[in-house]
Amino acid sequence: MKKLIASFLFCLLLACPLLAQSIPFPGPGGVSGTLTCTQVSGGTGSNIGNQTAFSGLAACFDGNTNQTQAQGCGIGSTTSGFNNTVGKDYTSTVTVCRVQAYSANNSAFRGDNTNATYQWESSSDCSSFSTFSSGSTPSGSSAVIDTASLSTANRCFRFNLNGNGANSSAIAEIVFWTLQ
């Protein structure tokens, strides 16, 4: 199992920059197999979340990772706590293996340019979410969060930014990758 996880992480971190990548892995008892991690089209699934300001939720899934705050999605004044979300409802169960968030090219993820905390969350019903990965945003514009993390199989996935009740959020793009 440890070799499987190591091979999977190698793929995600070093060898899978393409839209789909299959890699061999040693399975139990010497049986081998492959893992394929595929970038999901931004048009797949329904957009969910409350980061509807600027150009709206659809702008965070238009394939453009280099856009201004006005061209992306966000919130004019974030709500305090983990209450600032953008994500997808895929309507059927998928397993997310990599997640990426891009800040606007003229603003940090949160307008005060601090290292705000974030969570990647999943849910089977788009109502009760559980965190499968978390961290701190990089400061500055054109920042990227690129996380290789295997979620549980679920229907809904979202990025949740810890707001401070004052500053805006600025997200250029959200990208999900799934196991195939």
Foldseek 3Di string as FASTA:
>chain_A
DVQQVVQLVCCQPPNPPDQKDWDWTQDPPRDIDIKIKGWDQLPAADKDWDQQPQPGLSQQRPPDLEAALNSHTKFAADDAFQRGKIWGFNVFWFKWFKKKWWFYQAAFQWRVQDFWKKFKWFAQVVPDIDGQDIDTFHGDHRGMDIDGTIDDTHRMIMMTTRGDRGTMGGTRYMITMTID
